[in-house]
Amino acid sequence: MPHIDGENLTQFIGWRTADSIPTHVLEAWRTELARVQELESWKELARRTETCCDEGHGECLLREPRAARAVQECLFYDHLCNYRLHAWVVMPNHVHVLLSPLPGAKLNVIMRRVKTASANAVNRIFGRKGKFWQEEFFDRFIRSEDHFNGCIRYNEWNPVKAKLCTDPKKWSWSSCSADAWARLEFLEQQREMGK
């Protein structure tokens, strides 16, 4: 599906680590779903991908707190410069964000910056090289206030759904964490003082 981009068009975005779903599994799903209508096929592929990611496939390097924090910090870096970050969650092998690009910012540039910076940071932490994230990302523009609120709930409850915790407030790498919001607010204040 093509990406839909536009100024102030709030987006729900997800991407996963390159090893979270084996290529042969994705190809098998695509072959199986080729007989289904395109929109239904796309929805089913997205559902299967999310379920597979929540099962914790791949190395799950983002389970390591230093790596999860590095990704979260990369999300914070361009907040209020290129986008407004509304909600996020860093899972062991994937990430979801809800953001609104600011005037002049393009979604593909935002995603390239976040993915490149976070891949470099995580690779440094583990002393590794090479591809970390999948090539693409999933995006869906927000259609209503209910959709917006649903995406926030989805982000915040994703760690519970994946059985990583029982209370979303206990997951340190999401917008449900008071500590994460405090860190984001601190960075906003530092940015303001630097102007």
N, C-alpha and C. Protein backbone atom coordinates (compact mmCIF):
# COMPACT_ATOMS: atom_id res chain seq x y z
N MET A 1 0.86 -1.19 0.00
CA MET A 1 0.00 0.00 0.00
C MET A 1 0.90 1.24 0.00
N PRO A 2 0.52 2.26 -0.76
CA PRO A 2 1.33 3.48 -0.80
C PRO A 2 1.19 4.28 0.51
N HIS A 3 2.24 5.05 0.81
CA HIS A 3 2.19 5.90 1.99
C HIS A 3 1.40 7.16 1.65
N ILE A 4 0.58 7.61 2.58
CA ILE A 4 -0.17 8.85 2.40
C ILE A 4 0.48 9.89 3.29
N ASP A 5 0.93 10.96 2.67
CA ASP A 5 1.69 11.97 3.38
C ASP A 5 0.99 13.31 3.23
N GLY A 6 1.06 14.13 4.25
CA GLY A 6 0.50 15.47 4.17
C GLY A 6 0.78 16.22 5.45
N GLU A 7 0.92 17.53 5.33
CA GLU A 7 1.18 18.35 6.51
C GLU A 7 0.07 18.19 7.53
N ASN A 8 0.48 18.04 8.77
CA ASN A 8 -0.43 17.93 9.90
C ASN A 8 -1.37 16.73 9.79
N LEU A 9 -1.04 15.74 8.96
CA LEU A 9 -1.84 14.54 8.83
C LEU A 9 -1.33 13.53 9.86
N THR A 10 -2.06 13.38 10.95
CA THR A 10 -1.62 12.49 12.03
C THR A 10 -1.57 11.06 11.52
N GLN A 11 -0.50 10.36 11.88
CA GLN A 11 -0.24 9.03 11.38
C GLN A 11 0.02 8.05 12.52
N PHE A 12 -0.52 6.84 12.34
CA PHE A 12 -0.18 5.71 13.20
C PHE A 12 0.83 4.89 12.40
N ILE A 13 2.04 4.73 12.92
CA ILE A 13 3.13 4.12 12.16
C ILE A 13 3.71 2.95 12.96
N GLY A 14 4.03 1.90 12.25
CA GLY A 14 4.68 0.76 12.88
C GLY A 14 5.79 0.23 11.98
N TRP A 15 6.83 -0.27 12.58
CA TRP A 15 7.90 -0.94 11.84
C TRP A 15 8.52 -1.98 12.76
N ARG A 16 9.22 -2.93 12.15
CA ARG A 16 9.73 -4.05 12.90
C ARG A 16 11.20 -4.30 12.57
N THR A 17 11.83 -5.09 13.42
CA THR A 17 13.22 -5.46 13.16
C THR A 17 13.26 -6.38 11.95
N ALA A 18 14.39 -6.39 11.27
CA ALA A 18 14.53 -7.15 10.03
C ALA A 18 14.35 -8.65 10.26
N ASP A 19 14.66 -9.14 11.47
CA ASP A 19 14.58 -10.58 11.72
C ASP A 19 13.30 -11.02 12.44
N SER A 20 12.35 -10.12 12.61
CA SER A 20 11.16 -10.45 13.40
C SER A 20 10.23 -11.45 12.72
N ILE A 21 10.23 -11.49 11.40
CA ILE A 21 9.44 -12.46 10.66
C ILE A 21 10.32 -13.01 9.53
N PRO A 22 10.56 -14.31 9.53
CA PRO A 22 11.39 -14.87 8.46
C PRO A 22 10.79 -14.58 7.07
N THR A 23 11.66 -14.31 6.11
CA THR A 23 11.23 -13.99 4.75
C THR A 23 10.34 -15.08 4.18
N HIS A 24 10.67 -16.34 4.41
CA HIS A 24 9.87 -17.42 3.84
C HIS A 24 8.44 -17.43 4.40
N VAL A 25 8.28 -17.00 5.65
CA VAL A 25 6.94 -16.93 6.24
C VAL A 25 6.14 -15.81 5.56
N LEU A 26 6.76 -14.65 5.39
CA LEU A 26 6.08 -13.54 4.71
C LEU A 26 5.69 -13.91 3.28
N GLU A 27 6.59 -14.56 2.57
CA GLU A 27 6.30 -14.97 1.19
C GLU A 27 5.15 -15.97 1.15
N ALA A 28 5.13 -16.90 2.09
CA ALA A 28 4.04 -17.89 2.14
C ALA A 28 2.70 -17.19 2.40
N TRP A 29 2.69 -16.22 3.31
CA TRP A 29 1.47 -15.46 3.58
C TRP A 29 1.02 -14.72 2.34
N ARG A 30 1.96 -14.05 1.66
CA ARG A 30 1.60 -13.29 0.45
C ARG A 30 1.02 -14.20 -0.63
N THR A 31 1.61 -15.37 -0.80
CA THR A 31 1.11 -16.32 -1.80
C THR A 31 -0.31 -16.77 -1.42
N GLU A 32 -0.48 -17.11 -0.17
CA GLU A 32 -1.79 -17.56 0.31
C GLU A 32 -2.85 -16.47 0.17
N LEU A 33 -2.47 -15.23 0.45
CA LEU A 33 -3.43 -14.13 0.44
C LEU A 33 -3.60 -13.50 -0.95
N ALA A 34 -2.85 -13.97 -1.93
CA ALA A 34 -2.95 -13.40 -3.28
C ALA A 34 -4.33 -13.61 -3.89
N ARG A 35 -5.05 -14.59 -3.41
CA ARG A 35 -6.38 -14.89 -3.94
C ARG A 35 -7.48 -14.03 -3.31
N VAL A 36 -7.13 -13.30 -2.27
CA VAL A 36 -8.10 -12.48 -1.54
C VAL A 36 -8.07 -11.06 -2.11
N GLN A 37 -9.18 -10.34 -2.02
CA GLN A 37 -9.22 -8.94 -2.46
C GLN A 37 -8.07 -8.16 -1.85
N GLU A 38 -7.52 -7.20 -2.59
CA GLU A 38 -6.31 -6.49 -2.17
C GLU A 38 -6.44 -5.88 -0.78
N LEU A 39 -7.52 -5.15 -0.50
CA LEU A 39 -7.66 -4.50 0.80
C LEU A 39 -7.76 -5.53 1.92
N GLU A 40 -8.55 -6.59 1.70
CA GLU A 40 -8.68 -7.64 2.72
C GLU A 40 -7.35 -8.36 2.91
N SER A 41 -6.64 -8.59 1.81
CA SER A 41 -5.34 -9.24 1.88
C SER A 41 -4.36 -8.40 2.69
N TRP A 42 -4.35 -7.11 2.43
CA TRP A 42 -3.46 -6.19 3.14
C TRP A 42 -3.78 -6.18 4.63
N LYS A 43 -5.07 -6.12 4.98
CA LYS A 43 -5.48 -6.12 6.39
C LYS A 43 -5.06 -7.42 7.09
N GLU A 44 -5.25 -8.54 6.40
CA GLU A 44 -4.89 -9.83 6.98
C GLU A 44 -3.38 -9.95 7.15
N LEU A 45 -2.63 -9.48 6.18
CA LEU A 45 -1.17 -9.51 6.29
C LEU A 45 -0.71 -8.65 7.47
N ALA A 46 -1.31 -7.48 7.64
CA ALA A 46 -0.98 -6.61 8.77
C ALA A 46 -1.32 -7.29 10.09
N ARG A 47 -2.48 -7.95 10.16
CA ARG A 47 -2.89 -8.65 11.38
C ARG A 47 -1.91 -9.78 11.71
N ARG A 48 -1.56 -10.57 10.71
CA ARG A 48 -0.63 -11.68 10.94
C ARG A 48 0.75 -11.17 11.36
N THR A 49 1.20 -10.10 10.73
CA THR A 49 2.50 -9.53 11.06
C THR A 49 2.53 -9.08 12.52
N GLU A 50 1.48 -8.38 12.93
CA GLU A 50 1.42 -7.89 14.32
C GLU A 50 1.38 -9.06 15.30
N THR A 51 0.59 -10.07 15.01
CA THR A 51 0.51 -11.24 15.89
C THR A 51 1.86 -11.92 16.00
N CYS A 52 2.53 -12.09 14.87
CA CYS A 52 3.84 -12.73 14.85
C CYS A 52 4.85 -11.91 15.65
N CYS A 53 4.84 -10.60 15.48
CA CYS A 53 5.76 -9.74 16.24
C CYS A 53 5.49 -9.84 17.74
N ASP A 54 4.23 -9.85 18.11
CA ASP A 54 3.88 -9.94 19.54
C ASP A 54 4.30 -11.28 20.15
N GLU A 55 4.46 -12.30 19.31
CA GLU A 55 4.92 -13.61 19.80
C GLU A 55 6.41 -13.60 20.11
N GLY A 56 7.12 -12.54 19.69
CA GLY A 56 8.51 -12.37 20.07
C GLY A 56 9.51 -13.12 19.21
N HIS A 57 9.31 -13.16 17.90
CA HIS A 57 10.26 -13.83 17.02
C HIS A 57 11.48 -12.95 16.76
N GLY A 58 12.56 -13.56 16.32
CA GLY A 58 13.80 -12.84 16.06
C GLY A 58 14.60 -12.70 17.34
N GLU A 59 15.70 -11.97 17.23
CA GLU A 59 16.57 -11.79 18.40
C GLU A 59 15.94 -10.96 19.50
N CYS A 60 14.98 -10.12 19.16
CA CYS A 60 14.31 -9.25 20.13
C CYS A 60 15.33 -8.41 20.90
N LEU A 61 16.23 -7.77 20.18
CA LEU A 61 17.28 -6.97 20.81
C LEU A 61 16.73 -5.79 21.60
N LEU A 62 15.52 -5.35 21.27
CA LEU A 62 14.95 -4.20 21.98
C LEU A 62 14.40 -4.59 23.36
N ARG A 63 14.52 -5.85 23.70
CA ARG A 63 14.17 -6.29 25.06
C ARG A 63 15.22 -5.77 26.05
N GLU A 64 16.43 -5.56 25.55
CA GLU A 64 17.53 -5.01 26.35
C GLU A 64 17.21 -3.54 26.64
N PRO A 65 17.12 -3.13 27.91
CA PRO A 65 16.73 -1.75 28.24
C PRO A 65 17.57 -0.66 27.55
N ARG A 66 18.87 -0.86 27.41
CA ARG A 66 19.70 0.17 26.76
C ARG A 66 19.26 0.37 25.30
N ALA A 67 18.92 -0.72 24.63
CA ALA A 67 18.50 -0.63 23.23
C ALA A 67 17.12 0.03 23.12
N ALA A 68 16.20 -0.38 23.98
CA ALA A 68 14.85 0.22 23.96
C ALA A 68 14.94 1.72 24.25
N ARG A 69 15.76 2.07 25.22
CA ARG A 69 15.92 3.50 25.55
C ARG A 69 16.52 4.27 24.37
N ALA A 70 17.48 3.66 23.67
CA ALA A 70 18.10 4.33 22.52
C ALA A 70 17.07 4.61 21.43
N VAL A 71 16.19 3.65 21.18
CA VAL A 71 15.15 3.87 20.18
C VAL A 71 14.20 4.97 20.65
N GLN A 72 13.80 4.91 21.91
CA GLN A 72 12.90 5.92 22.45
C GLN A 72 13.53 7.31 22.36
N GLU A 73 14.81 7.42 22.67
CA GLU A 73 15.51 8.71 22.58
C GLU A 73 15.53 9.22 21.14
N CYS A 74 15.69 8.32 20.17
CA CYS A 74 15.66 8.73 18.77
C CYS A 74 14.28 9.26 18.38
N LEU A 75 13.23 8.67 18.94
CA LEU A 75 11.88 9.19 18.70
C LEU A 75 11.74 10.59 19.29
N PHE A 76 12.32 10.80 20.45
CA PHE A 76 12.21 12.09 21.13
C PHE A 76 12.99 13.20 20.41
N TYR A 77 14.04 12.83 19.71
CA TYR A 77 14.97 13.81 19.16
C TYR A 77 14.30 14.84 18.25
N ASP A 78 13.45 14.42 17.35
CA ASP A 78 12.82 15.35 16.41
C ASP A 78 11.41 15.80 16.83
N HIS A 79 11.00 15.40 18.04
CA HIS A 79 9.70 15.84 18.56
C HIS A 79 9.70 17.37 18.64
N LEU A 80 8.70 17.98 18.11
CA LEU A 80 8.49 19.43 18.03
C LEU A 80 9.45 20.13 17.06
N CYS A 81 10.31 19.36 16.39
CA CYS A 81 11.13 19.93 15.30
C CYS A 81 10.55 19.50 13.95
N ASN A 82 10.29 18.20 13.81
CA ASN A 82 9.72 17.67 12.57
C ASN A 82 8.35 17.04 12.76
N TYR A 83 8.00 16.74 13.98
CA TYR A 83 6.69 16.13 14.25
C TYR A 83 6.33 16.33 15.71
N ARG A 84 5.05 16.12 15.97
CA ARG A 84 4.55 16.11 17.35
C ARG A 84 4.26 14.66 17.68
N LEU A 85 4.92 14.15 18.69
CA LEU A 85 4.76 12.76 19.12
C LEU A 85 3.61 12.69 20.12
N HIS A 86 2.59 11.89 19.79
CA HIS A 86 1.42 11.77 20.66
C HIS A 86 1.48 10.51 21.53
N ALA A 87 1.95 9.42 20.96
CA ALA A 87 2.02 8.14 21.69
C ALA A 87 3.06 7.27 21.00
N TRP A 88 3.63 6.35 21.76
CA TRP A 88 4.63 5.43 21.21
C TRP A 88 4.76 4.22 22.10
N VAL A 89 5.32 3.16 21.55
CA VAL A 89 5.71 1.99 22.32
C VAL A 89 6.88 1.33 21.58
N VAL A 90 7.91 1.00 22.34
CA VAL A 90 9.05 0.24 21.81
C VAL A 90 8.91 -1.17 22.37
N MET A 91 8.65 -2.11 21.48
CA MET A 91 8.48 -3.51 21.83
C MET A 91 9.81 -4.23 21.56
N PRO A 92 9.94 -5.50 21.98
CA PRO A 92 11.21 -6.20 21.77
C PRO A 92 11.66 -6.32 20.30
N ASN A 93 10.71 -6.34 19.36
CA ASN A 93 11.10 -6.47 17.96
C ASN A 93 10.32 -5.56 17.00
N HIS A 94 9.61 -4.59 17.56
CA HIS A 94 8.91 -3.63 16.71
C HIS A 94 8.57 -2.37 17.49
N VAL A 95 8.13 -1.35 16.76
CA VAL A 95 7.82 -0.05 17.34
C VAL A 95 6.52 0.46 16.73
N HIS A 96 5.72 1.14 17.54
CA HIS A 96 4.53 1.85 17.06
C HIS A 96 4.61 3.29 17.54
N VAL A 97 4.23 4.22 16.69
CA VAL A 97 4.16 5.62 17.08
C VAL A 97 2.89 6.25 16.51
N LEU A 98 2.43 7.25 17.19
CA LEU A 98 1.34 8.09 16.72
C LEU A 98 1.91 9.49 16.71
N LEU A 99 2.01 10.08 15.51
CA LEU A 99 2.63 11.39 15.41
C LEU A 99 1.97 12.22 14.32
N SER A 100 2.18 13.53 14.42
CA SER A 100 1.71 14.47 13.41
C SER A 100 2.92 15.20 12.85
N PRO A 101 3.22 15.02 11.54
CA PRO A 101 4.33 15.77 10.95
C PRO A 101 4.04 17.27 11.03
N LEU A 102 5.06 18.05 11.30
CA LEU A 102 4.92 19.50 11.33
C LEU A 102 5.04 20.06 9.91
N PRO A 103 4.60 21.28 9.68
CA PRO A 103 4.67 21.86 8.32
C PRO A 103 6.06 21.73 7.71
N GLY A 104 6.07 21.24 6.49
CA GLY A 104 7.32 21.08 5.75
C GLY A 104 7.99 19.73 5.95
N ALA A 105 7.58 18.97 6.96
CA ALA A 105 8.18 17.66 7.23
C ALA A 105 7.48 16.58 6.40
N LYS A 106 8.25 15.69 5.85
CA LYS A 106 7.73 14.58 5.03
C LYS A 106 7.88 13.28 5.81
N LEU A 107 6.85 12.46 5.74
CA LEU A 107 6.82 11.21 6.49
C LEU A 107 8.01 10.31 6.16
N ASN A 108 8.35 10.17 4.88
CA ASN A 108 9.46 9.28 4.53
C ASN A 108 10.79 9.80 5.10
N VAL A 109 10.97 11.11 5.19
CA VAL A 109 12.19 11.69 5.77
C VAL A 109 12.20 11.47 7.28
N ILE A 110 11.06 11.69 7.92
CA ILE A 110 10.95 11.44 9.36
C ILE A 110 11.34 10.00 9.67
N MET A 111 10.74 9.07 8.92
CA MET A 111 11.00 7.66 9.19
C MET A 111 12.44 7.27 8.88
N ARG A 112 13.01 7.80 7.83
CA ARG A 112 14.40 7.50 7.51
C ARG A 112 15.32 7.98 8.64
N ARG A 113 15.06 9.18 9.16
CA ARG A 113 15.88 9.73 10.24
C ARG A 113 15.77 8.87 11.51
N VAL A 114 14.55 8.54 11.89
CA VAL A 114 14.34 7.76 13.11
C VAL A 114 14.94 6.37 12.97
N LYS A 115 14.66 5.71 11.85
CA LYS A 115 15.15 4.34 11.67
C LYS A 115 16.68 4.29 11.55
N THR A 116 17.26 5.23 10.83
CA THR A 116 18.72 5.24 10.67
C THR A 116 19.40 5.51 12.00
N ALA A 117 18.96 6.55 12.69
CA ALA A 117 19.59 6.90 13.98
C ALA A 117 19.43 5.77 14.99
N SER A 118 18.25 5.19 15.08
CA SER A 118 18.02 4.14 16.07
C SER A 118 18.76 2.85 15.70
N ALA A 119 18.82 2.51 14.41
CA ALA A 119 19.58 1.32 13.99
C ALA A 119 21.06 1.50 14.34
N ASN A 120 21.61 2.67 14.05
CA ASN A 120 23.01 2.93 14.38
C ASN A 120 23.25 2.84 15.89
N ALA A 121 22.34 3.39 16.67
CA ALA A 121 22.48 3.36 18.14
C ALA A 121 22.43 1.93 18.67
N VAL A 122 21.46 1.16 18.20
CA VAL A 122 21.32 -0.22 18.68
C VAL A 122 22.51 -1.07 18.22
N ASN A 123 22.92 -0.90 16.98
CA ASN A 123 24.08 -1.66 16.50
C ASN A 123 25.33 -1.33 17.31
N ARG A 124 25.50 -0.06 17.70
CA ARG A 124 26.64 0.34 18.55
C ARG A 124 26.57 -0.36 19.90
N ILE A 125 25.39 -0.40 20.49
CA ILE A 125 25.23 -1.03 21.81
C ILE A 125 25.66 -2.50 21.76
N PHE A 126 25.29 -3.20 20.71
CA PHE A 126 25.59 -4.63 20.62
C PHE A 126 26.87 -4.94 19.84
N GLY A 127 27.57 -3.90 19.38
CA GLY A 127 28.80 -4.13 18.63
C GLY A 127 28.56 -4.89 17.35
N ARG A 128 27.48 -4.58 16.69
CA ARG A 128 27.15 -5.27 15.45
C ARG A 128 27.04 -4.29 14.30
N LYS A 129 26.97 -4.83 13.09
CA LYS A 129 26.82 -4.02 11.89
C LYS A 129 25.70 -4.61 11.06
N GLY A 130 25.27 -3.84 10.09
CA GLY A 130 24.29 -4.36 9.14
C GLY A 130 22.87 -3.90 9.41
N LYS A 131 22.01 -4.49 8.64
CA LYS A 131 20.60 -4.12 8.65
C LYS A 131 19.96 -4.45 10.00
N PHE A 132 19.24 -3.50 10.55
CA PHE A 132 18.54 -3.74 11.81
C PHE A 132 17.03 -3.74 11.62
N TRP A 133 16.51 -2.75 10.89
CA TRP A 133 15.06 -2.62 10.67
C TRP A 133 14.66 -3.21 9.32
N GLN A 134 13.40 -3.57 9.20
CA GLN A 134 12.83 -3.94 7.91
C GLN A 134 12.93 -2.73 6.98
N GLU A 135 12.84 -2.95 5.69
CA GLU A 135 12.94 -1.86 4.72
C GLU A 135 11.80 -0.84 4.87
N GLU A 136 10.60 -1.31 4.93
CA GLU A 136 9.41 -0.46 4.90
C GLU A 136 8.89 -0.16 6.29
N PHE A 137 7.80 0.57 6.33
CA PHE A 137 7.05 0.81 7.56
C PHE A 137 5.58 0.83 7.20
N PHE A 138 4.76 0.57 8.18
CA PHE A 138 3.30 0.60 8.01
C PHE A 138 2.81 1.95 8.50
N ASP A 139 1.95 2.59 7.74
CA ASP A 139 1.37 3.85 8.21
C ASP A 139 -0.10 3.89 7.86
N ARG A 140 -0.82 4.53 8.74
CA ARG A 140 -2.26 4.72 8.52
C ARG A 140 -2.61 6.10 9.06
N PHE A 141 -3.20 6.94 8.20
CA PHE A 141 -3.55 8.27 8.69
C PHE A 141 -4.80 8.20 9.55
N ILE A 142 -4.87 9.09 10.52
CA ILE A 142 -5.94 9.08 11.51
C ILE A 142 -7.16 9.78 10.93
N ARG A 143 -8.30 9.11 11.03
CA ARG A 143 -9.52 9.57 10.39
C ARG A 143 -10.50 10.29 11.33
N SER A 144 -10.34 10.07 12.64
CA SER A 144 -11.30 10.66 13.58
C SER A 144 -10.69 10.68 14.98
N GLU A 145 -11.38 11.35 15.88
CA GLU A 145 -10.93 11.38 17.27
C GLU A 145 -10.97 9.99 17.88
N ASP A 146 -12.00 9.21 17.54
CA ASP A 146 -12.09 7.84 18.05
C ASP A 146 -10.91 7.00 17.55
N HIS A 147 -10.56 7.16 16.29
CA HIS A 147 -9.42 6.45 15.71
C HIS A 147 -8.13 6.86 16.44
N PHE A 148 -7.95 8.14 16.66
CA PHE A 148 -6.79 8.67 17.39
C PHE A 148 -6.70 8.03 18.77
N ASN A 149 -7.79 8.06 19.52
CA ASN A 149 -7.81 7.49 20.87
C ASN A 149 -7.58 5.99 20.85
N GLY A 150 -8.12 5.32 19.84
CA GLY A 150 -7.91 3.88 19.70
C GLY A 150 -6.44 3.54 19.47
N CYS A 151 -5.75 4.38 18.69
CA CYS A 151 -4.32 4.15 18.44
C CYS A 151 -3.50 4.38 19.70
N ILE A 152 -3.87 5.35 20.50
CA ILE A 152 -3.18 5.55 21.78
C ILE A 152 -3.37 4.31 22.66
N ARG A 153 -4.61 3.83 22.76
CA ARG A 153 -4.86 2.63 23.57
C ARG A 153 -4.07 1.43 23.04
N TYR A 154 -4.05 1.29 21.72
CA TYR A 154 -3.32 0.18 21.11
C TYR A 154 -1.84 0.24 21.51
N ASN A 155 -1.22 1.41 21.37
CA ASN A 155 0.19 1.57 21.76
C ASN A 155 0.39 1.18 23.22
N GLU A 156 -0.42 1.74 24.07
CA GLU A 156 -0.22 1.55 25.50
C GLU A 156 -0.48 0.13 25.97
N TRP A 157 -1.41 -0.56 25.34
CA TRP A 157 -1.76 -1.92 25.77
C TRP A 157 -1.01 -2.99 25.00
N ASN A 158 -0.21 -2.63 23.99
CA ASN A 158 0.53 -3.63 23.22
C ASN A 158 1.44 -4.50 24.09
N PRO A 159 2.18 -3.95 25.06
CA PRO A 159 3.02 -4.82 25.91
C PRO A 159 2.19 -5.81 26.75
N VAL A 160 0.99 -5.41 27.15
CA VAL A 160 0.12 -6.32 27.91
C VAL A 160 -0.38 -7.42 26.99
N LYS A 161 -0.82 -7.04 25.79
CA LYS A 161 -1.30 -8.02 24.81
C LYS A 161 -0.21 -9.04 24.48
N ALA A 162 1.04 -8.59 24.42
CA ALA A 162 2.17 -9.46 24.11
C ALA A 162 2.69 -10.19 25.34
N LYS A 163 2.01 -10.03 26.47
CA LYS A 163 2.36 -10.70 27.73
C LYS A 163 3.76 -10.31 28.25
N LEU A 164 4.12 -9.06 28.05
CA LEU A 164 5.39 -8.55 28.57
C LEU A 164 5.22 -7.92 29.95
N CYS A 165 3.99 -7.55 30.28
CA CYS A 165 3.67 -6.97 31.58
C CYS A 165 2.16 -7.10 31.78
N THR A 166 1.70 -6.83 32.98
CA THR A 166 0.26 -6.90 33.24
C THR A 166 -0.38 -5.53 33.36
N ASP A 167 0.45 -4.50 33.52
CA ASP A 167 -0.02 -3.13 33.66
C ASP A 167 0.76 -2.27 32.66
N PRO A 168 0.08 -1.61 31.71
CA PRO A 168 0.81 -0.82 30.70
C PRO A 168 1.70 0.26 31.30
N LYS A 169 1.37 0.75 32.48
CA LYS A 169 2.19 1.79 33.12
C LYS A 169 3.55 1.24 33.55
N LYS A 170 3.68 -0.07 33.62
CA LYS A 170 4.93 -0.70 34.04
C LYS A 170 5.91 -0.87 32.87
N TRP A 171 5.46 -0.65 31.63
CA TRP A 171 6.34 -0.78 30.47
C TRP A 171 7.07 0.55 30.28
N SER A 172 8.35 0.59 30.53
CA SER A 172 9.12 1.83 30.55
C SER A 172 9.26 2.50 29.19
N TRP A 173 9.05 1.77 28.10
CA TRP A 173 9.36 2.28 26.78
C TRP A 173 8.10 2.62 26.01
N SER A 174 7.19 3.31 26.67
CA SER A 174 5.95 3.72 26.00
C SER A 174 5.42 5.03 26.57
N SER A 175 4.47 5.59 25.86
CA SER A 175 3.85 6.83 26.29
C SER A 175 2.97 6.65 27.52
N CYS A 176 2.79 5.41 27.94
CA CYS A 176 2.02 5.15 29.16
C CYS A 176 2.90 5.30 30.41
N SER A 177 4.20 5.36 30.20
CA SER A 177 5.15 5.47 31.30
C SER A 177 5.33 6.93 31.72
N ALA A 178 5.10 7.20 32.98
CA ALA A 178 5.30 8.57 33.49
C ALA A 178 6.76 8.99 33.36
N ASP A 179 7.68 8.05 33.54
CA ASP A 179 9.11 8.36 33.40
C ASP A 179 9.45 8.77 31.97
N ALA A 180 8.85 8.10 31.00
CA ALA A 180 9.12 8.43 29.59
C ALA A 180 8.61 9.84 29.27
N TRP A 181 7.41 10.17 29.74
CA TRP A 181 6.88 11.52 29.50
C TRP A 181 7.75 12.57 30.20
N ALA A 182 8.21 12.25 31.39
CA ALA A 182 9.07 13.19 32.11
C ALA A 182 10.35 13.44 31.33
N ARG A 183 10.92 12.40 30.74
CA ARG A 183 12.13 12.54 29.94
C ARG A 183 11.85 13.39 28.70
N LEU A 184 10.72 13.17 28.04
CA LEU A 184 10.37 13.95 26.86
C LEU A 184 10.17 15.42 27.23
N GLU A 185 9.50 15.69 28.33
CA GLU A 185 9.29 17.07 28.78
C GLU A 185 10.62 17.74 29.13
N PHE A 186 11.52 16.99 29.75
CA PHE A 186 12.85 17.53 30.07
C PHE A 186 13.58 17.92 28.78
N LEU A 187 13.54 17.07 27.78
CA LEU A 187 14.20 17.37 26.51
C LEU A 187 13.56 18.59 25.82
N GLU A 188 12.24 18.72 25.94
CA GLU A 188 11.55 19.90 25.39
C GLU A 188 12.06 21.17 26.07
N GLN A 189 12.17 21.13 27.40
CA GLN A 189 12.66 22.28 28.15
C GLN A 189 14.10 22.63 27.77
N GLN A 190 14.95 21.61 27.62
CA GLN A 190 16.34 21.83 27.21
C GLN A 190 16.40 22.48 25.84
N ARG A 191 15.54 22.03 24.94
CA ARG A 191 15.50 22.58 23.59
C ARG A 191 15.09 24.04 23.65
N GLU A 192 14.08 24.35 24.46
CA GLU A 192 13.60 25.74 24.59
C GLU A 192 14.69 26.65 25.16
N MET A 193 15.43 26.15 26.16
CA MET A 193 16.49 26.94 26.77
C MET A 193 17.64 27.18 25.80
N GLY A 194 17.84 26.25 24.86
CA GLY A 194 18.91 26.37 23.90
C GLY A 194 18.63 27.34 22.78
N LYS A 195 17.37 27.77 22.64
CA LYS A 195 17.01 28.68 21.56
C LYS A 195 17.42 30.09 21.86
